[in-house]
C-alpha cells in the first residue's frame, strides 16, 4: 500500500517538517501568504534539500526568486548565499552580498 503524497500549498497550514527552521515564530500562527518573506528566507538559509522541495510545492519558482531578489534578509552565510543565488535560483543579476550575508564581526 502506497503512502499518500503530502499536499503542500498556500491553503494548507505550514508543514510540521518546517517547524525547526521556522523556530523564531509559532508555526501555527504563520500564514503562507502574509508571512512568505520570512518563510522563504528561513527555508533557503537554514533548510536542507527536502525542506526546499517542500518550499517549492508551496511557492512557485518565480515567487521564491522574487522574494529572494526584492526582499533581501541578512541571514545567510556567504557560501549559502552564493549556492542559493547561483545554483538553486540561477540568478544572473548582480545582488549586493551585504544585503544578504550576515556579518560575524
Protein backbone atom coordinates (compact mmCIF):
# COMPACT_ATOMS: atom_id res chain seq x y z
CA UNK A 1 0.00 0.00 0.00
CA UNK A 2 1.41 3.35 -1.04
CA UNK A 3 1.65 6.24 1.39
CA UNK A 4 -0.47 9.18 0.42
CA UNK A 5 1.55 12.02 -1.02
CA UNK A 6 1.52 15.05 1.19
CA UNK A 7 -0.10 18.08 -0.36
CA UNK A 8 1.53 21.43 0.32
CA UNK A 9 0.08 24.69 -0.89
CA UNK A 10 -0.84 28.15 0.33
CA UNK A 11 -4.24 26.98 1.54
CA UNK A 12 -2.84 24.40 3.96
CA UNK A 13 -1.08 25.12 7.25
CA UNK A 14 2.70 25.30 7.26
CA UNK A 15 4.01 21.72 7.39
CA UNK A 16 5.36 20.47 10.72
CA UNK A 17 8.54 19.38 8.90
CA UNK A 18 9.49 23.05 8.62
CA UNK A 19 8.97 23.82 12.31
CA UNK A 20 12.69 23.55 13.25
CA UNK A 21 13.59 26.05 10.52
CA UNK A 22 10.81 28.48 11.40
CA UNK A 23 11.89 28.40 15.04
CA UNK A 24 11.55 32.09 15.82
CA UNK A 25 7.79 32.14 15.27
CA UNK A 26 4.86 29.99 16.29
CA UNK A 27 4.27 27.82 13.24
CA UNK A 28 0.54 27.65 13.99
CA UNK A 29 0.28 31.43 13.61
CA UNK A 30 2.16 31.65 10.30
CA UNK A 31 0.18 32.43 7.18
CA UNK A 32 1.74 31.16 3.93
CA UNK A 33 0.79 34.36 2.11
CA UNK A 34 1.37 37.16 4.61
CA UNK A 35 4.49 35.54 6.12
CA UNK A 36 6.05 34.35 2.86
CA UNK A 37 9.10 36.63 3.08
CA UNK A 38 10.02 35.13 6.46
CA UNK A 39 9.18 31.56 5.41
CA UNK A 40 11.06 31.65 2.11
CA UNK A 41 14.23 33.20 3.53
CA UNK A 42 14.31 30.92 6.58
CA UNK A 43 13.97 27.79 4.46
CA UNK A 44 16.55 28.94 1.90
CA UNK A 45 19.03 29.98 4.60
CA UNK A 46 18.62 27.10 7.06
CA UNK A 47 16.77 24.30 5.32
CA UNK A 48 18.06 21.18 3.65
CA UNK A 49 17.16 19.94 0.17
CA UNK A 50 13.99 18.22 1.42
CA UNK A 51 12.87 21.45 3.09
CA UNK A 52 13.47 23.38 -0.13
CA UNK A 53 11.42 20.79 -2.04
CA UNK A 54 8.53 21.44 0.36
CA UNK A 55 9.02 25.19 -0.12
CA UNK A 56 8.80 24.74 -3.90
CA UNK A 57 5.48 22.92 -3.50
CA UNK A 58 4.06 25.86 -1.57
CA UNK A 59 5.55 28.67 -3.69
CA UNK A 60 6.38 28.89 -7.38
CA UNK A 61 9.99 29.27 -8.51
CA UNK A 62 9.12 32.76 -9.72
CA UNK A 63 7.69 33.73 -6.34
CA UNK A 64 10.73 32.38 -4.47
CA UNK A 65 13.10 34.23 -6.78
CA UNK A 66 11.08 37.45 -6.48
CA UNK A 67 11.17 37.33 -2.67
CA UNK A 68 14.88 36.49 -2.65
CA UNK A 69 15.80 39.33 -5.02
CA UNK A 70 13.43 42.06 -3.87
CA UNK A 71 13.22 41.49 -0.12
CA UNK A 72 16.78 40.62 0.98
CA UNK A 73 17.48 39.44 4.52
CA UNK A 74 20.90 39.42 6.18
CA UNK A 75 20.66 35.87 7.47
CA UNK A 76 22.84 33.94 5.01
CA UNK A 77 26.40 32.80 5.26
CA UNK A 78 28.36 33.67 2.13
CA UNK A 79 28.54 30.06 0.84
CA UNK A 80 24.80 29.56 1.33
CA UNK A 81 24.00 32.89 -0.34
CA UNK A 82 26.13 32.00 -3.37
CA UNK A 83 24.68 28.48 -3.58
CA UNK A 84 21.08 29.75 -3.45
CA UNK A 85 21.73 32.61 -5.88
CA UNK A 86 23.84 30.77 -8.43
CA UNK A 87 22.63 27.18 -8.29
CA UNK A 88 19.20 26.92 -6.66
CA UNK A 89 17.69 30.01 -8.26
CA UNK A 90 20.12 30.59 -11.16
CA UNK A 91 20.06 34.35 -10.72
CA UNK A 92 22.39 36.13 -13.13
CA UNK A 93 21.62 39.62 -11.80
CA UNK A 94 24.13 41.29 -9.54
CA UNK A 95 22.91 41.22 -5.95
CA UNK A 96 24.65 43.11 -3.18
CA UNK A 97 26.06 40.47 -0.83
CA UNK A 98 25.94 42.95 2.04
CA UNK A 99 22.15 42.80 1.86
CA UNK A 100 22.18 39.02 2.36
CA UNK A 101 25.32 37.89 4.15
CA UNK A 102 25.39 38.24 7.89
CA UNK A 103 28.47 39.72 9.45
CA UNK A 104 30.40 37.92 12.15
CA UNK A 105 32.39 40.94 13.31
